[in-house]
N, C-alpha and C. Protein backbone atom coordinates (compact mmCIF):
# COMPACT_ATOMS: atom_id res chain seq x y z
N MET A 1 143.11 161.43 54.00
CA MET A 1 142.60 161.27 52.65
C MET A 1 143.75 161.06 51.66
N ILE A 2 144.87 161.71 51.91
CA ILE A 2 146.05 161.53 51.07
C ILE A 2 147.18 161.13 52.00
N THR A 3 147.52 159.85 51.96
CA THR A 3 148.48 159.32 52.90
C THR A 3 149.14 158.07 52.33
N PRO A 4 150.35 157.75 52.76
CA PRO A 4 150.94 156.50 52.30
C PRO A 4 150.30 155.31 53.01
N LEU A 5 150.20 154.20 52.31
CA LEU A 5 149.75 152.96 52.94
C LEU A 5 150.99 152.24 53.44
N PRO A 6 151.07 151.96 54.73
CA PRO A 6 152.28 151.34 55.30
C PRO A 6 152.66 150.05 54.57
N GLY A 7 153.91 149.99 54.18
CA GLY A 7 154.43 148.81 53.49
C GLY A 7 154.10 148.74 52.01
N ALA A 8 153.23 149.61 51.52
CA ALA A 8 152.83 149.55 50.11
C ALA A 8 153.26 150.78 49.31
N THR A 9 153.51 151.89 50.01
CA THR A 9 153.84 153.13 49.33
C THR A 9 155.22 153.61 49.77
N PRO A 10 156.16 153.75 48.83
CA PRO A 10 157.46 154.31 49.21
C PRO A 10 157.29 155.78 49.61
N THR A 11 158.00 156.19 50.63
CA THR A 11 157.84 157.56 51.13
C THR A 11 159.16 158.28 51.25
N LYS A 12 159.07 159.59 51.36
CA LYS A 12 160.20 160.44 51.71
C LYS A 12 159.62 161.56 52.58
N PRO A 13 160.40 162.12 53.47
CA PRO A 13 159.87 163.15 54.37
C PRO A 13 159.21 164.30 53.61
N GLY A 14 158.03 164.69 54.08
CA GLY A 14 157.32 165.82 53.49
C GLY A 14 156.42 165.49 52.32
N SER A 15 156.40 164.21 51.91
CA SER A 15 155.57 163.87 50.76
C SER A 15 154.18 163.43 51.22
N ALA A 16 153.16 163.80 50.45
CA ALA A 16 151.79 163.40 50.76
C ALA A 16 151.44 162.09 50.08
N THR A 17 152.15 161.69 49.11
CA THR A 17 151.98 160.48 48.30
C THR A 17 150.67 160.46 47.53
N PHE A 18 149.79 159.47 47.78
CA PHE A 18 148.60 159.26 46.94
C PHE A 18 147.33 159.27 47.77
N PRO A 19 146.19 159.51 47.11
CA PRO A 19 144.91 159.42 47.84
C PRO A 19 144.62 157.97 48.24
N LEU A 20 143.84 157.81 49.29
CA LEU A 20 143.39 156.48 49.70
C LEU A 20 142.53 155.88 48.59
N PRO A 21 142.43 154.56 48.53
CA PRO A 21 141.59 153.94 47.50
C PRO A 21 140.15 154.47 47.56
N GLY A 22 139.62 154.79 46.39
CA GLY A 22 138.25 155.30 46.30
C GLY A 22 138.13 156.81 46.38
N ILE A 23 139.22 157.50 46.69
CA ILE A 23 139.20 158.97 46.79
C ILE A 23 139.76 159.55 45.49
N MET A 24 138.97 160.36 44.81
CA MET A 24 139.37 160.98 43.54
C MET A 24 139.75 162.44 43.81
N THR A 25 141.04 162.76 43.71
CA THR A 25 141.51 164.11 44.00
C THR A 25 141.99 164.80 42.73
N ASP A 26 142.18 166.11 42.83
CA ASP A 26 142.75 166.89 41.74
C ASP A 26 143.31 168.17 42.31
N ILE A 27 144.17 168.81 41.57
CA ILE A 27 144.68 170.15 41.90
C ILE A 27 144.14 171.08 40.84
N VAL A 28 143.44 172.14 41.26
CA VAL A 28 142.80 173.05 40.33
C VAL A 28 143.23 174.49 40.60
N ASP A 29 142.95 175.37 39.62
CA ASP A 29 143.20 176.80 39.82
C ASP A 29 141.96 177.42 40.48
N GLU A 30 141.94 178.76 40.59
CA GLU A 30 140.86 179.47 41.26
C GLU A 30 139.51 179.31 40.57
N THR A 31 139.51 178.91 39.30
CA THR A 31 138.25 178.74 38.56
C THR A 31 137.78 177.29 38.52
N GLY A 32 138.55 176.38 39.12
CA GLY A 32 138.18 174.97 39.14
C GLY A 32 138.73 174.15 38.00
N LYS A 33 139.61 174.75 37.19
CA LYS A 33 140.21 174.01 36.08
C LYS A 33 141.49 173.32 36.55
N PRO A 34 141.69 172.06 36.17
CA PRO A 34 142.90 171.34 36.58
C PRO A 34 144.17 172.04 36.11
N VAL A 35 145.19 172.02 36.96
CA VAL A 35 146.49 172.60 36.60
C VAL A 35 147.42 171.48 36.18
N GLY A 36 148.49 171.83 35.52
CA GLY A 36 149.45 170.83 35.05
C GLY A 36 150.25 170.22 36.18
N ARG A 37 150.85 169.10 35.89
CA ARG A 37 151.68 168.38 36.85
C ARG A 37 152.84 169.27 37.30
N GLY A 38 153.08 169.31 38.60
CA GLY A 38 154.17 170.08 39.15
C GLY A 38 153.82 171.54 39.42
N LYS A 39 152.59 171.95 39.15
CA LYS A 39 152.17 173.33 39.39
C LYS A 39 151.32 173.38 40.65
N GLY A 40 151.35 174.51 41.32
CA GLY A 40 150.57 174.69 42.54
C GLY A 40 149.12 174.99 42.24
N GLY A 41 148.28 174.76 43.22
CA GLY A 41 146.87 175.04 43.08
C GLY A 41 146.11 174.68 44.34
N ILE A 42 144.83 174.39 44.19
CA ILE A 42 143.95 174.10 45.31
C ILE A 42 143.58 172.62 45.26
N LEU A 43 143.73 171.93 46.39
CA LEU A 43 143.39 170.52 46.47
C LEU A 43 141.87 170.37 46.58
N VAL A 44 141.28 169.56 45.70
CA VAL A 44 139.84 169.30 45.75
C VAL A 44 139.59 167.79 45.66
N ILE A 45 138.43 167.39 46.12
CA ILE A 45 137.96 166.01 45.99
C ILE A 45 136.90 166.03 44.89
N LYS A 46 137.03 165.18 43.89
CA LYS A 46 136.16 165.24 42.72
C LYS A 46 134.85 164.48 42.88
N ARG A 47 134.78 163.50 43.76
CA ARG A 47 133.54 162.72 43.95
C ARG A 47 133.30 162.50 45.43
N PRO A 48 132.05 162.34 45.83
CA PRO A 48 131.77 162.04 47.24
C PRO A 48 132.34 160.70 47.65
N TRP A 49 132.54 160.51 48.95
CA TRP A 49 133.03 159.25 49.47
C TRP A 49 132.10 158.81 50.60
N PRO A 50 132.13 157.53 50.98
CA PRO A 50 131.14 156.99 51.91
C PRO A 50 131.04 157.70 53.26
N ALA A 51 132.13 158.14 53.83
CA ALA A 51 132.09 158.74 55.16
C ALA A 51 131.95 160.26 55.12
N MET A 52 131.58 160.79 53.98
CA MET A 52 131.48 162.25 53.82
C MET A 52 130.39 162.84 54.70
N VAL A 53 130.73 163.92 55.39
CA VAL A 53 129.74 164.64 56.20
C VAL A 53 128.71 165.28 55.27
N ARG A 54 127.48 165.39 55.70
CA ARG A 54 126.42 165.89 54.82
C ARG A 54 126.00 167.31 55.10
N THR A 55 126.32 167.84 56.25
CA THR A 55 125.91 169.20 56.60
C THR A 55 126.66 169.67 57.84
N ILE A 56 126.47 170.91 58.20
CA ILE A 56 126.92 171.44 59.48
C ILE A 56 125.66 171.60 60.31
N TRP A 57 125.63 171.05 61.50
CA TRP A 57 124.43 171.02 62.32
C TRP A 57 123.85 172.43 62.48
N GLY A 58 122.62 172.57 62.08
CA GLY A 58 121.92 173.84 62.22
C GLY A 58 122.21 174.86 61.12
N ASP A 59 123.12 174.55 60.20
CA ASP A 59 123.46 175.52 59.16
C ASP A 59 123.89 174.83 57.87
N PRO A 60 122.97 174.14 57.19
CA PRO A 60 123.35 173.43 55.96
C PRO A 60 123.84 174.36 54.85
N GLU A 61 123.36 175.59 54.81
CA GLU A 61 123.81 176.54 53.78
C GLU A 61 125.29 176.88 53.97
N ARG A 62 125.74 177.01 55.22
CA ARG A 62 127.16 177.28 55.50
C ARG A 62 128.03 176.13 54.99
N TYR A 63 127.56 174.90 55.19
CA TYR A 63 128.29 173.73 54.70
C TYR A 63 128.46 173.80 53.19
N ARG A 64 127.37 174.08 52.49
CA ARG A 64 127.42 174.16 51.03
C ARG A 64 128.37 175.25 50.57
N LYS A 65 128.30 176.43 51.16
CA LYS A 65 129.16 177.55 50.75
C LYS A 65 130.63 177.31 51.08
N THR A 66 130.89 176.64 52.20
CA THR A 66 132.27 176.41 52.64
C THR A 66 132.96 175.32 51.83
N TYR A 67 132.29 174.20 51.62
CA TYR A 67 132.93 173.04 51.01
C TYR A 67 132.61 172.83 49.54
N PHE A 68 131.56 173.45 49.02
CA PHE A 68 131.18 173.34 47.61
C PHE A 68 130.99 174.74 47.03
N PRO A 69 132.07 175.55 46.96
CA PRO A 69 131.92 176.95 46.56
C PRO A 69 131.43 177.12 45.12
N GLU A 70 130.75 178.22 44.89
CA GLU A 70 130.23 178.56 43.55
C GLU A 70 131.36 178.69 42.53
N ASP A 71 132.57 179.07 42.98
CA ASP A 71 133.71 179.18 42.06
C ASP A 71 133.93 177.87 41.31
N PHE A 72 133.60 176.76 41.95
CA PHE A 72 133.78 175.45 41.35
C PHE A 72 132.44 174.87 40.89
N LYS A 73 131.47 175.75 40.73
CA LYS A 73 130.13 175.37 40.26
C LYS A 73 129.46 174.33 41.15
N GLY A 74 129.87 174.28 42.43
CA GLY A 74 129.27 173.35 43.38
C GLY A 74 129.55 171.90 43.09
N LYS A 75 130.51 171.59 42.23
CA LYS A 75 130.77 170.20 41.83
C LYS A 75 132.02 169.60 42.45
N LEU A 76 132.90 170.43 43.02
CA LEU A 76 134.12 169.93 43.62
C LEU A 76 134.11 170.24 45.11
N TYR A 77 134.56 169.29 45.93
CA TYR A 77 134.67 169.47 47.37
C TYR A 77 135.98 170.16 47.67
N LEU A 78 135.92 171.31 48.32
CA LEU A 78 137.12 172.08 48.65
C LEU A 78 137.72 171.52 49.93
N ALA A 79 138.88 170.92 49.84
CA ALA A 79 139.51 170.31 50.99
C ALA A 79 140.11 171.34 51.93
N GLY A 80 140.37 172.55 51.46
CA GLY A 80 140.94 173.59 52.30
C GLY A 80 142.46 173.64 52.25
N ASP A 81 143.09 172.78 51.47
CA ASP A 81 144.56 172.75 51.35
C ASP A 81 144.99 173.38 50.04
N VAL A 82 146.08 174.12 50.10
CA VAL A 82 146.63 174.75 48.90
C VAL A 82 148.01 174.18 48.64
C-alpha cells in the first residue's frame, strides 16, 4: 500500500516513500486526529479502495472492531502499523 514505484520514486534504505495511486493515507494520534509532519502516530487509510476485504469469514463483527475501531469513529481503516 505504501511502496516506491520502480523507476519513478527516488528511494533510500528504510524509507516507505508514498502510497500507491488511489490510496489515501494519514498518520493520526490515539483519538484519530492527524498529527504534524515528522511526528509519530498510527498509520490509517482514509478511504476504501477497490481490493479492500469486506469481512472476516464467519465473524463480520470482528472485522469491524479490528479494522474500523470506535476510537476512530469507524471512519478510518486501521492498517496496524505505528
